[in-house]
Amino acid sequence: MTSPDDPRSPDLDGLRPRLPSPLLEVVDRRFERCGVRFLLKRDDLIHPELVGNKWRKLAPHLAAAEGRTVLTFGGAYSNHLRATAAAGRLLGLRTVGVVRGHELRDRPLNPSLARCVADGMRLHFVDRSTYRRKAEPETLAALLRAAGAEDAYVVPEGGSNALAVRGCRALGEELADVADVAAVACGTGGTLAGMAAGLGPRVRALGIPVLKGGFLPTDVRALQTAAFGGPRGDWSLDDRFHFGGYARTTPELDAFAEDFEQRHGIPVERLYVAKVLYALVALAEEHAFPRGSTVAAVITGRPFPAPPAPAPGAMPSP
């Protein structure tokens, strides 16, 4: 890695991250009547655009990229792609997003991908079969060539690898002395893997998967092994609250999120945050937490603002 005064090194400190992130106690009768103290770990306030766990996972990669083009992967509604694109704009780095779904190439961009393009990310759409094989060396090399980014620094989908997991350990350290249970919504499992390691043995880490499939326990163990050499911390997953899978919501979940916003004045991102908050209310009402417990929910993101209108005649990046 380059030194801080190397001109190739992005100035991450210059982005003024708010660390440690604020911790807010929330008075909510659904927890109070179960004898549970409820905290919100406001990782959504770390940075206006590199929000929450995206900062914690991306910052180590951005430093390691040393000024090179950053190429990464995601679906059509990927928060990770949006955060990477924003980082590229803020730090003057070129970014390429490999998007799952070749059929999306000829469709109008959804607000999420439009925001990526507005922030300067070049999008490269691939079919789903190729996307599934993206970690294979031959497939990855072909993708880099096709995207015109052979020398790019590659960040895995969701940013989750050993480097990012070690970056998320600080989140656990910030919660180690304040909670009995720390809960986070999970996509790739990297935030949970790092947080659990930082919490140590006295605090239980709870992951709420937002995808169906039941593959996360294996993935979290593999991430911890890669980052730390073996399992770390006391963690578990509850996969009952995905509401149909990634990028899926239901009227029930939307109503819950709107009610939470009205109660507490905090915007609730639907794809991740709403699901962990819903899960914790349900678990409290199931008496899953002993009376006198303190439960902390990590707010990993917030709704992104609408993308700016494209310039007249502007076309999406291929």
C-alpha atoms as a PDB file:
ATOM      1  CA  MET A   1       0.000   0.000   0.000  1.00  0.00           C
ATOM      2  CA  THR A   2       1.230   3.495  -0.723  1.00  0.00           C
ATOM      3  CA  SER A   3       2.029   6.010   1.972  1.00  0.00           C
ATOM      4  CA  PRO A   4      -0.455   8.785   2.836  1.00  0.00           C
ATOM      5  CA  ASP A   5       1.563  11.401   0.928  1.00  0.00           C
ATOM      6  CA  ASP A   6       1.734   9.312  -2.245  1.00  0.00           C
ATOM      7  CA  PRO A   7      -0.345  11.163  -4.878  1.00  0.00           C
ATOM      8  CA  ARG A   8      -1.914   7.877  -5.943  1.00  0.00           C
ATOM      9  CA  SER A   9      -3.412   7.298  -2.493  1.00  0.00           C
ATOM     10  CA  PRO A  10      -7.023   8.513  -2.193  1.00  0.00           C
ATOM     11  CA  ASP A  11      -7.490  10.925   0.706  1.00  0.00           C
ATOM     12  CA  LEU A  12     -10.024   8.966   2.754  1.00  0.00           C
ATOM     13  CA  ASP A  13      -9.510  11.144   5.825  1.00  0.00           C
ATOM     14  CA  GLY A  14     -10.418  14.120   3.679  1.00  0.00           C
ATOM     15  CA  LEU A  15     -13.931  12.709   3.360  1.00  0.00           C
ATOM     16  CA  ARG A  16     -14.378  13.295   7.111  1.00  0.00           C
ATOM     17  CA  PRO A  17     -16.062  10.050   8.179  1.00  0.00           C
ATOM     18  CA  ARG A  18     -17.982  10.278  11.438  1.00  0.00           C
ATOM     19  CA  LEU A  19     -16.368   7.540  13.485  1.00  0.00           C
ATOM     20  CA  PRO A  20     -17.270   6.039  15.810  1.00  0.00           C
ATOM     21  CA  SER A  21     -20.804   6.351  14.518  1.00  0.00           C
ATOM     22  CA  PRO A  22     -23.486   7.712  16.891  1.00  0.00           C
ATOM     23  CA  LEU A  23     -25.398   5.434  19.244  1.00  0.00           C
ATOM     24  CA  LEU A  24     -28.999   6.392  19.923  1.00  0.00           C
ATOM     25  CA  GLU A  25     -31.316   4.975  22.584  1.00  0.00           C
ATOM     26  CA  VAL A  26     -34.848   4.634  21.243  1.00  0.00           C
ATOM     27  CA  VAL A  27     -37.911   4.497  23.464  1.00  0.00           C
ATOM     28  CA  ASP A  28     -40.331   2.089  21.796  1.00  0.00           C
ATOM     29  CA  ARG A  29     -43.139   0.517  23.759  1.00  0.00           C
ATOM     30  CA  ARG A  30     -42.850  -2.747  21.805  1.00  0.00           C
ATOM     31  CA  PHE A  31     -39.449  -3.260  23.424  1.00  0.00           C
ATOM     32  CA  GLU A  32     -40.284  -1.581  26.722  1.00  0.00           C
ATOM     33  CA  ARG A  33     -43.134  -3.948  27.513  1.00  0.00           C
ATOM     34  CA  CYS A  34     -40.736  -6.875  26.987  1.00  0.00           C
ATOM     35  CA  GLY A  35     -38.164  -5.346  29.332  1.00  0.00           C
ATOM     36  CA  VAL A  36     -35.665  -4.742  26.535  1.00  0.00           C
ATOM     37  CA  ARG A  37     -33.556  -1.610  26.050  1.00  0.00           C
ATOM     38  CA  PHE A  38     -33.293  -0.737  22.357  1.00  0.00           C
ATOM     39  CA  LEU A  39     -30.384   1.079  20.693  1.00  0.00           C
ATOM     40  CA  LEU A  40     -29.718   2.173  17.131  1.00  0.00           C
ATOM     41  CA  LYS A  41     -26.132   2.173  15.917  1.00  0.00           C
ATOM     42  CA  ARG A  42     -26.310   4.982  13.366  1.00  0.00           C
ATOM     43  CA  ASP A  43     -23.801   3.813  10.803  1.00  0.00           C
ATOM     44  CA  ASP A  44     -25.981   5.608   8.272  1.00  0.00           C
ATOM     45  CA  LEU A  45     -24.448   8.849   9.609  1.00  0.00           C
ATOM     46  CA  ILE A  46     -20.805   7.906   8.956  1.00  0.00           C
ATOM     47  CA  HIS A  47     -20.782   9.744   5.632  1.00  0.00           C
ATOM     48  CA  PRO A  48     -23.512  11.354   3.502  1.00  0.00           C
ATOM     49  CA  GLU A  49     -22.802   9.124   0.498  1.00  0.00           C
ATOM     50  CA  LEU A  50     -20.581   6.255   1.664  1.00  0.00           C
ATOM     51  CA  VAL A  51     -23.194   5.130   4.108  1.00  0.00           C
ATOM     52  CA  GLY A  52     -22.844   2.652   6.934  1.00  0.00           C
ATOM     53  CA  ASN A  53     -21.234  -0.666   6.293  1.00  0.00           C
ATOM     54  CA  LYS A  54     -20.382   0.532   2.792  1.00  0.00           C
ATOM     55  CA  TRP A  55     -17.789   2.853   4.330  1.00  0.00           C
ATOM     56  CA  ARG A  56     -16.474   0.150   6.647  1.00  0.00           C
ATOM     57  CA  LYS A  57     -16.122  -2.377   3.814  1.00  0.00           C
ATOM     58  CA  LEU A  58     -15.098  -0.056   0.987  1.00  0.00           C
ATOM     59  CA  ALA A  59     -12.523   2.133   2.731  1.00  0.00           C
ATOM     60  CA  PRO A  60      -9.854  -0.616   2.935  1.00  0.00           C
ATOM     61  CA  HIS A  61     -10.388  -1.432  -0.751  1.00  0.00           C
ATOM     62  CA  LEU A  62     -10.205   2.200  -1.824  1.00  0.00           C
ATOM     63  CA  ALA A  63      -6.881   2.579  -0.024  1.00  0.00           C
ATOM     64  CA  ALA A  64      -5.569  -0.642  -1.559  1.00  0.00           C
ATOM     65  CA  ALA A  65      -6.610   0.423  -5.079  1.00  0.00           C
ATOM     66  CA  GLU A  66      -3.889   3.117  -5.009  1.00  0.00           C
ATOM     67  CA  GLY A  67      -5.574   5.256  -7.638  1.00  0.00           C
ATOM     68  CA  ARG A  68      -6.372   2.484 -10.103  1.00  0.00           C
ATOM     69  CA  THR A  69      -9.756   1.937 -11.720  1.00  0.00           C
ATOM     70  CA  VAL A  70     -12.049   0.110  -9.306  1.00  0.00           C
ATOM     71  CA  LEU A  71     -14.225  -2.635 -10.810  1.00  0.00           C
ATOM     72  CA  THR A  72     -16.914  -4.360  -8.826  1.00  0.00           C
ATOM     73  CA  PHE A  73     -20.146  -6.334  -9.169  1.00  0.00           C
ATOM     74  CA  GLY A  74     -23.801  -6.092  -8.262  1.00  0.00           C
ATOM     75  CA  GLY A  75     -27.419  -6.498  -9.217  1.00  0.00           C
ATOM     76  CA  ALA A  76     -29.740  -3.877 -10.616  1.00  0.00           C
ATOM     77  CA  TYR A  77     -30.524  -2.447  -7.156  1.00  0.00           C
ATOM     78  CA  SER A  78     -27.116  -2.879  -5.539  1.00  0.00           C
ATOM     79  CA  ASN A  79     -26.329  -0.450  -2.712  1.00  0.00           C
ATOM     80  CA  HIS A  80     -22.724  -1.552  -3.098  1.00  0.00           C
ATOM     81  CA  LEU A  81     -22.564  -0.380  -6.714  1.00  0.00           C
ATOM     82  CA  ARG A  82     -24.044   2.977  -5.748  1.00  0.00           C
ATOM     83  CA  ALA A  83     -21.587   3.449  -2.910  1.00  0.00           C
ATOM     84  CA  THR A  84     -18.631   2.496  -5.121  1.00  0.00           C
ATOM     85  CA  ALA A  85     -19.754   4.945  -7.798  1.00  0.00           C
ATOM     86  CA  ALA A  86     -20.100   7.709  -5.211  1.00  0.00           C
ATOM     87  CA  ALA A  87     -16.633   6.925  -3.858  1.00  0.00           C
ATOM     88  CA  GLY A  88     -15.212   7.169  -7.351  1.00  0.00           C
ATOM     89  CA  ARG A  89     -16.716  10.613  -7.853  1.00  0.00           C
ATOM     90  CA  LEU A  90     -15.578  11.874  -4.444  1.00  0.00           C
ATOM     91  CA  LEU A  91     -12.053  10.529  -4.752  1.00  0.00           C
ATOM     92  CA  GLY A  92     -11.472  11.028  -8.456  1.00  0.00           C
ATOM     93  CA  LEU A  93     -11.278   7.289  -9.198  1.00  0.00           C
ATOM     94  CA  ARG A  94     -12.642   5.636 -12.319  1.00  0.00           C
ATOM     95  CA  THR A  95     -15.216   2.946 -11.531  1.00  0.00           C
ATOM     96  CA  VAL A  96     -16.757   0.105 -13.506  1.00  0.00           C
ATOM     97  CA  GLY A  97     -19.817  -1.809 -12.371  1.00  0.00           C
ATOM     98  CA  VAL A  98     -20.440  -5.312 -13.723  1.00  0.00           C
ATOM     99  CA  VAL A  99     -24.214  -5.710 -13.523  1.00  0.00           C
ATOM    100  CA  ARG A 100     -26.052  -9.032 -13.346  1.00  0.00           C
ATOM    101  CA  GLY A 101     -28.624  -9.277 -16.152  1.00  0.00           C
ATOM    102  CA  HIS A 102     -27.628  -8.732 -19.784  1.00  0.00           C
ATOM    103  CA  GLU A 103     -31.255  -7.994 -20.639  1.00  0.00           C
ATOM    104  CA  LEU A 104     -31.026  -4.792 -18.578  1.00  0.00           C
ATOM    105  CA  ARG A 105     -28.665  -3.277 -21.142  1.00  0.00           C
ATOM    106  CA  ASP A 106     -31.512  -2.338 -23.491  1.00  0.00           C
ATOM    107  CA  ARG A 107     -33.944  -1.155 -20.808  1.00  0.00           C
ATOM    108  CA  PRO A 108     -34.254   2.277 -19.201  1.00  0.00           C
ATOM    109  CA  LEU A 109     -31.993   2.486 -16.165  1.00  0.00           C
ATOM    110  CA  ASN A 110     -33.712   2.164 -12.812  1.00  0.00           C
ATOM    111  CA  PRO A 111     -33.018   4.937 -10.255  1.00  0.00           C
ATOM    112  CA  SER A 112     -30.249   2.919  -8.602  1.00  0.00           C
ATOM    113  CA  LEU A 113     -28.255   2.335 -11.799  1.00  0.00           C
ATOM    114  CA  ALA A 114     -29.016   5.850 -13.016  1.00  0.00           C
ATOM    115  CA  ARG A 115     -27.382   7.175  -9.861  1.00  0.00           C
ATOM    116  CA  CYS A 116     -24.293   5.056 -10.589  1.00  0.00           C
ATOM    117  CA  VAL A 117     -24.026   6.534 -14.074  1.00  0.00           C
ATOM    118  CA  ALA A 118     -24.577  10.062 -12.754  1.00  0.00           C
ATOM    119  CA  ASP A 119     -21.632   9.488 -10.414  1.00  0.00           C
ATOM    120  CA  GLY A 120     -19.410   8.479 -13.309  1.00  0.00           C
ATOM    121  CA  MET A 121     -19.546   4.680 -13.116  1.00  0.00           C
ATOM    122  CA  ARG A 122     -19.334   2.826 -16.410  1.00  0.00           C
ATOM    123  CA  LEU A 123     -21.777  -0.083 -16.435  1.00  0.00           C
ATOM    124  CA  HIS A 124     -21.030  -3.421 -18.073  1.00  0.00           C
ATOM    125  CA  PHE A 125     -23.992  -5.823 -18.254  1.00  0.00           C
ATOM    126  CA  VAL A 126     -23.455  -9.594 -18.319  1.00  0.00           C
ATOM    127  CA  ASP A 127     -25.740 -12.588 -18.514  1.00  0.00           C
ATOM    128  CA  ARG A 128     -26.607 -14.380 -15.300  1.00  0.00           C
ATOM    129  CA  SER A 129     -24.649 -17.518 -16.130  1.00  0.00           C
ATOM    130  CA  THR A 130     -21.451 -15.526 -16.639  1.00  0.00           C
ATOM    131  CA  TYR A 131     -22.159 -13.524 -13.503  1.00  0.00           C
ATOM    132  CA  ARG A 132     -22.368 -16.695 -11.409  1.00  0.00           C
ATOM    133  CA  ARG A 133     -18.885 -17.670 -12.628  1.00  0.00           C
ATOM    134  CA  LYS A 134     -17.329 -14.214 -12.076  1.00  0.00           C
ATOM    135  CA  ALA A 135     -14.915 -15.469  -9.400  1.00  0.00           C
ATOM    136  CA  GLU A 136     -13.384 -18.074 -11.726  1.00  0.00           C
ATOM    137  CA  PRO A 137     -10.001 -16.770 -12.960  1.00  0.00           C
ATOM    138  CA  GLU A 138     -10.716 -17.285 -16.678  1.00  0.00           C
ATOM    139  CA  THR A 139     -14.165 -15.727 -16.475  1.00  0.00           C
ATOM    140  CA  LEU A 140     -12.883 -12.778 -14.450  1.00  0.00           C
ATOM    141  CA  ALA A 141     -10.051 -12.168 -16.918  1.00  0.00           C
ATOM    142  CA  ALA A 142     -12.545 -12.208 -19.806  1.00  0.00           C
ATOM    143  CA  LEU A 143     -14.814  -9.781 -17.945  1.00  0.00           C
ATOM    144  CA  LEU A 144     -11.933  -7.391 -17.327  1.00  0.00           C
ATOM    145  CA  ARG A 145     -11.003  -7.468 -21.003  1.00  0.00           C
ATOM    146  CA  ALA A 146     -14.594  -6.968 -22.138  1.00  0.00           C
ATOM    147  CA  ALA A 147     -15.000  -4.049 -19.741  1.00  0.00           C
ATOM    148  CA  GLY A 148     -11.752  -2.467 -20.912  1.00  0.00           C
ATOM    149  CA  ALA A 149     -10.371  -2.613 -17.390  1.00  0.00           C
ATOM    150  CA  GLU A 150      -7.598  -5.198 -17.454  1.00  0.00           C
ATOM    151  CA  ASP A 151      -5.542  -3.357 -14.824  1.00  0.00           C
ATOM    152  CA  ALA A 152      -8.456  -2.576 -12.510  1.00  0.00           C
ATOM    153  CA  TYR A 153      -8.499  -3.224  -8.790  1.00  0.00           C
ATOM    154  CA  VAL A 154     -11.294  -5.789  -8.334  1.00  0.00           C
ATOM    155  CA  VAL A 155     -13.671  -5.522  -5.391  1.00  0.00           C
ATOM    156  CA  PRO A 156     -15.920  -8.580  -4.850  1.00  0.00           C
ATOM    157  CA  GLU A 157     -19.699  -8.372  -4.873  1.00  0.00           C
ATOM    158  CA  GLY A 158     -20.881  -6.539  -1.778  1.00  0.00           C
ATOM    159  CA  GLY A 159     -17.266  -5.668  -1.007  1.00  0.00           C
ATOM    160  CA  SER A 160     -16.993  -8.716   1.221  1.00  0.00           C
ATOM    161  CA  ASN A 161     -13.623 -10.420   1.519  1.00  0.00           C
ATOM    162  CA  ALA A 162     -10.974 -10.731   4.204  1.00  0.00           C
ATOM    163  CA  LEU A 163      -9.902  -7.104   3.838  1.00  0.00           C
ATOM    164  CA  ALA A 164     -13.451  -5.802   4.235  1.00  0.00           C
ATOM    165  CA  VAL A 165     -14.233  -8.159   7.117  1.00  0.00           C
ATOM    166  CA  ARG A 166     -11.252  -6.838   9.038  1.00  0.00           C
ATOM    167  CA  GLY A 167     -12.552  -3.336   8.310  1.00  0.00           C
ATOM    168  CA  CYS A 168     -15.912  -4.228   9.906  1.00  0.00           C
ATOM    169  CA  ARG A 169     -14.294  -5.477  13.100  1.00  0.00           C
ATOM    170  CA  ALA A 170     -14.274  -1.873  14.391  1.00  0.00           C
ATOM    171  CA  LEU A 171     -18.085  -1.883  14.311  1.00  0.00           C
ATOM    172  CA  GLY A 172     -18.123  -4.715  16.829  1.00  0.00           C
ATOM    173  CA  GLU A 173     -15.519  -2.989  18.964  1.00  0.00           C
ATOM    174  CA  GLU A 174     -17.734   0.104  19.121  1.00  0.00           C
ATOM    175  CA  LEU A 175     -20.618  -2.022  20.447  1.00  0.00           C
ATOM    176  CA  ALA A 176     -18.715  -4.442  22.677  1.00  0.00           C
ATOM    177  CA  ASP A 177     -19.404  -2.665  25.965  1.00  0.00           C
ATOM    178  CA  VAL A 178     -22.900  -1.307  25.305  1.00  0.00           C
ATOM    179  CA  ALA A 179     -25.124  -4.201  24.165  1.00  0.00           C
ATOM    180  CA  ASP A 180     -25.969  -7.813  24.896  1.00  0.00           C
ATOM    181  CA  VAL A 181     -27.113  -8.460  21.327  1.00  0.00           C
ATOM    182  CA  ALA A 182     -25.991  -6.598  18.195  1.00  0.00           C
ATOM    183  CA  ALA A 183     -28.080  -7.220  15.091  1.00  0.00           C
ATOM    184  CA  VAL A 184     -27.375  -6.434  11.450  1.00  0.00           C
ATOM    185  CA  ALA A 185     -29.068  -7.205   8.138  1.00  0.00           C
ATOM    186  CA  CYS A 186     -26.956  -9.493   5.933  1.00  0.00           C
ATOM    187  CA  GLY A 187     -26.433  -9.689   2.197  1.00  0.00           C
ATOM    188  CA  THR A 188     -23.036 -11.302   1.661  1.00  0.00           C
ATOM    189  CA  GLY A 189     -22.279 -11.752   5.379  1.00  0.00           C
ATOM    190  CA  GLY A 190     -19.134  -9.643   5.525  1.00  0.00           C
ATOM    191  CA  THR A 191     -20.408  -7.088   8.021  1.00  0.00           C
ATOM    192  CA  LEU A 192     -21.647  -9.803  10.383  1.00  0.00           C
ATOM    193  CA  ALA A 193     -18.360 -11.698  10.103  1.00  0.00           C
ATOM    194  CA  GLY A 194     -16.314  -8.651  11.069  1.00  0.00           C
ATOM    195  CA  MET A 195     -18.713  -7.277  13.667  1.00  0.00           C
ATOM    196  CA  ALA A 196     -18.863 -10.599  15.502  1.00  0.00           C
ATOM    197  CA  ALA A 197     -15.081 -10.672  15.731  1.00  0.00           C
ATOM    198  CA  GLY A 198     -14.990  -7.188  17.226  1.00  0.00           C
ATOM    199  CA  LEU A 199     -17.758  -7.857  19.740  1.00  0.00           C
ATOM    200  CA  GLY A 200     -15.788 -10.581  21.469  1.00  0.00           C
ATOM    201  CA  PRO A 201     -17.350 -13.397  23.508  1.00  0.00           C
ATOM    202  CA  ARG A 202     -19.599 -11.299  25.771  1.00  0.00           C
ATOM    203  CA  VAL A 203     -21.990  -9.967  23.111  1.00  0.00           C
ATOM    204  CA  ARG A 204     -24.045 -12.064  20.708  1.00  0.00           C
ATOM    205  CA  ALA A 205     -24.117 -11.029  17.062  1.00  0.00           C
ATOM    206  CA  LEU A 206     -27.373 -11.676  15.212  1.00  0.00           C
ATOM    207  CA  GLY A 207     -27.600 -11.612  11.423  1.00  0.00           C
ATOM    208  CA  ILE A 208     -30.870 -11.175   9.524  1.00  0.00           C
ATOM    209  CA  PRO A 209     -30.408 -12.407   5.926  1.00  0.00           C
ATOM    210  CA  VAL A 210     -32.216 -10.409   3.252  1.00  0.00           C
ATOM    211  CA  LEU A 211     -31.810 -13.186   0.674  1.00  0.00           C
ATOM    212  CA  LYS A 212     -33.313 -16.638   0.544  1.00  0.00           C
ATOM    213  CA  GLY A 213     -31.143 -19.696   0.251  1.00  0.00           C
ATOM    214  CA  GLY A 214     -29.600 -20.593   3.594  1.00  0.00           C
ATOM    215  CA  PHE A 215     -26.015 -20.292   2.311  1.00  0.00           C
ATOM    216  CA  LEU A 216     -24.824 -17.547   4.662  1.00  0.00           C
ATOM    217  CA  PRO A 217     -23.593 -19.686   7.584  1.00  0.00           C
ATOM    218  CA  THR A 218     -21.014 -21.282   5.309  1.00  0.00           C
ATOM    219  CA  ASP A 219     -20.085 -17.939   3.791  1.00  0.00           C
ATOM    220  CA  VAL A 220     -19.656 -16.201   7.160  1.00  0.00           C
ATOM    221  CA  ARG A 221     -17.445 -18.994   8.456  1.00  0.00           C
ATOM    222  CA  ALA A 222     -15.351 -18.832   5.276  1.00  0.00           C
ATOM    223  CA  LEU A 223     -14.993 -15.055   5.550  1.00  0.00           C
ATOM    224  CA  GLN A 224     -13.886 -15.275   9.172  1.00  0.00           C
ATOM    225  CA  THR A 225     -11.387 -17.972   8.332  1.00  0.00           C
ATOM    226  CA  ALA A 226      -9.951 -15.870   5.512  1.00  0.00           C
ATOM    227  CA  ALA A 227      -9.793 -12.734   7.680  1.00  0.00           C
ATOM    228  CA  PHE A 228      -8.789 -14.135  11.067  1.00  0.00           C
ATOM    229  CA  GLY A 229      -7.696 -17.720  10.519  1.00  0.00           C
ATOM    230  CA  GLY A 230     -10.807 -19.248  12.065  1.00  0.00           C
ATOM    231  CA  PRO A 231     -14.174 -18.584  13.754  1.00  0.00           C
ATOM    232  CA  ARG A 232     -14.564 -15.477  15.876  1.00  0.00           C
ATOM    233  CA  GLY A 233     -17.298 -14.373  18.239  1.00  0.00           C
ATOM    234  CA  ASP A 234     -20.748 -15.669  19.129  1.00  0.00           C
ATOM    235  CA  TRP A 235     -22.984 -15.210  16.090  1.00  0.00           C
ATOM    236  CA  SER A 236     -26.136 -16.697  14.629  1.00  0.00           C
ATOM    237  CA  LEU A 237     -28.563 -16.088  11.764  1.00  0.00           C
ATOM    238  CA  ASP A 238     -32.366 -15.944  11.666  1.00  0.00           C
ATOM    239  CA  ASP A 239     -33.568 -16.380   8.087  1.00  0.00           C
ATOM    240  CA  ARG A 240     -37.292 -15.856   8.647  1.00  0.00           C
ATOM    241  CA  PHE A 241     -37.386 -12.184   7.713  1.00  0.00           C
ATOM    242  CA  HIS A 242     -36.255 -11.873   4.086  1.00  0.00           C
ATOM    243  CA  PHE A 243     -39.798 -11.044   2.883  1.00  0.00           C
ATOM    244  CA  GLY A 244     -39.388 -12.977  -0.342  1.00  0.00           C
ATOM    245  CA  GLY A 245     -35.712 -12.349  -1.012  1.00  0.00           C
ATOM    246  CA  TYR A 246     -33.353  -9.599  -2.083  1.00  0.00           C
ATOM    247  CA  ALA A 247     -34.987  -6.360  -3.267  1.00  0.00           C
ATOM    248  CA  ARG A 248     -38.364  -7.771  -2.206  1.00  0.00           C
ATOM    249  CA  THR A 249     -40.751  -6.029   0.118  1.00  0.00           C
ATOM    250  CA  THR A 250     -44.364  -6.570   1.057  1.00  0.00           C
ATOM    251  CA  PRO A 251     -47.179  -4.209   2.074  1.00  0.00           C
ATOM    252  CA  GLU A 252     -46.673  -5.437   5.643  1.00  0.00           C
ATOM    253  CA  LEU A 253     -42.988  -4.496   5.625  1.00  0.00           C
ATOM    254  CA  ASP A 254     -43.673  -1.124   4.001  1.00  0.00           C
ATOM    255  CA  ALA A 255     -46.332  -0.352   6.600  1.00  0.00           C
ATOM    256  CA  PHE A 256     -43.936  -1.330   9.392  1.00  0.00           C
ATOM    257  CA  ALA A 257     -41.196   0.914   7.993  1.00  0.00           C
ATOM    258  CA  GLU A 258     -43.544   3.869   7.594  1.00  0.00           C
ATOM    259  CA  ASP A 259     -44.769   3.399  11.165  1.00  0.00           C
ATOM    260  CA  PHE A 260     -41.192   3.252  12.482  1.00  0.00           C
ATOM    261  CA  GLU A 261     -40.333   6.450  10.611  1.00  0.00           C
ATOM    262  CA  GLN A 262     -43.348   8.216  12.105  1.00  0.00           C
ATOM    263  CA  ARG A 263     -42.582   6.978  15.618  1.00  0.00           C
ATOM    264  CA  HIS A 264     -38.915   7.894  15.651  1.00  0.00           C
ATOM    265  CA  GLY A 265     -38.251  10.345  12.816  1.00  0.00           C
ATOM    266  CA  ILE A 266     -35.586   8.124  11.256  1.00  0.00           C
ATOM    267  CA  PRO A 267     -35.718   7.238   7.535  1.00  0.00           C
ATOM    268  CA  VAL A 268     -35.841   3.477   7.051  1.00  0.00           C
ATOM    269  CA  GLU A 269     -34.141   1.898   4.044  1.00  0.00           C
ATOM    270  CA  ARG A 270     -36.396  -0.927   2.863  1.00  0.00           C
ATOM    271  CA  LEU A 271     -34.130  -3.649   1.458  1.00  0.00           C
ATOM    272  CA  TYR A 272     -31.951  -4.124   4.540  1.00  0.00           C
ATOM    273  CA  VAL A 273     -32.757  -1.873   7.473  1.00  0.00           C
ATOM    274  CA  ALA A 274     -36.515  -2.410   7.533  1.00  0.00           C
ATOM    275  CA  LYS A 275     -35.980  -6.159   7.696  1.00  0.00           C
ATOM    276  CA  VAL A 276     -33.632  -6.116  10.688  1.00  0.00           C
ATOM    277  CA  LEU A 277     -35.898  -3.689  12.582  1.00  0.00           C
ATOM    278  CA  TYR A 278     -38.970  -5.813  11.838  1.00  0.00           C
ATOM    279  CA  ALA A 279     -37.080  -8.925  12.947  1.00  0.00           C
ATOM    280  CA  LEU A 280     -36.056  -7.381  16.261  1.00  0.00           C
ATOM    281  CA  VAL A 281     -39.600  -6.269  17.082  1.00  0.00           C
ATOM    282  CA  ALA A 282     -40.875  -9.772  16.271  1.00  0.00           C
ATOM    283  CA  LEU A 283     -38.131 -11.438  18.325  1.00  0.00           C
ATOM    284  CA  ALA A 284     -38.787  -9.157  21.297  1.00  0.00           C
ATOM    285  CA  GLU A 285     -42.468 -10.074  21.157  1.00  0.00           C
ATOM    286  CA  GLU A 286     -41.444 -13.738  21.025  1.00  0.00           C
ATOM    287  CA  HIS A 287     -39.446 -13.097  24.242  1.00  0.00           C
ATOM    288  CA  ALA A 288     -36.249 -14.127  22.470  1.00  0.00           C
ATOM    289  CA  PHE A 289     -34.329 -11.559  24.549  1.00  0.00           C
ATOM    290  CA  PRO A 290     -34.234 -11.917  28.349  1.00  0.00           C
ATOM    291  CA  ARG A 291     -35.742  -9.074  30.340  1.00  0.00           C
ATOM    292  CA  GLY A 292     -33.080  -6.513  31.131  1.00  0.00           C
ATOM    293  CA  SER A 293     -31.257  -7.098  27.838  1.00  0.00           C
ATOM    294  CA  THR A 294     -29.884  -4.323  25.670  1.00  0.00           C
ATOM    295  CA  VAL A 295     -30.331  -4.910  21.938  1.00  0.00           C
ATOM    296  CA  ALA A 296     -28.596  -2.768  19.319  1.00  0.00           C
ATOM    297  CA  ALA A 297     -29.653  -2.621  15.659  1.00  0.00           C
ATOM    298  CA  VAL A 298     -27.021  -1.490  13.180  1.00  0.00           C
ATOM    299  CA  ILE A 299     -28.505   0.985  10.697  1.00  0.00           C
ATOM    300  CA  THR A 300     -26.354   0.098   7.726  1.00  0.00           C
ATOM    301  CA  GLY A 301     -27.907   2.465   5.199  1.00  0.00           C
ATOM    302  CA  ARG A 302     -30.652   4.875   4.332  1.00  0.00           C
ATOM    303  CA  PRO A 303     -32.737   5.616   1.255  1.00  0.00           C
ATOM    304  CA  PHE A 304     -30.566   7.156  -1.449  1.00  0.00           C
ATOM    305  CA  PRO A 305     -31.714  10.480  -2.920  1.00  0.00           C
ATOM    306  CA  ALA A 306     -33.053  10.438  -6.449  1.00  0.00           C
ATOM    307  CA  PRO A 307     -30.373  10.688  -9.135  1.00  0.00           C
ATOM    308  CA  PRO A 308     -29.932  13.996 -10.940  1.00  0.00           C
ATOM    309  CA  ALA A 309     -31.682  14.319 -14.274  1.00  0.00           C
ATOM    310  CA  PRO A 310     -29.445  13.255 -17.184  1.00  0.00           C
ATOM    311  CA  ALA A 311     -28.156  15.911 -19.540  1.00  0.00           C
ATOM    312  CA  PRO A 312     -30.122  16.258 -22.809  1.00  0.00           C
ATOM    313  CA  GLY A 313     -29.105  13.509 -25.188  1.00  0.00           C
ATOM    314  CA  ALA A 314     -27.092  11.635 -22.540  1.00  0.00           C
ATOM    315  CA  MET A 315     -26.902   7.862 -22.963  1.00  0.00           C
ATOM    316  CA  PRO A 316     -26.242   5.261 -20.261  1.00  0.00           C
ATOM    317  CA  SER A 317     -22.771   3.787 -20.225  1.00  0.00           C
ATOM    318  CA  PRO A 318     -22.523   0.366 -21.895  1.00  0.00           C
END
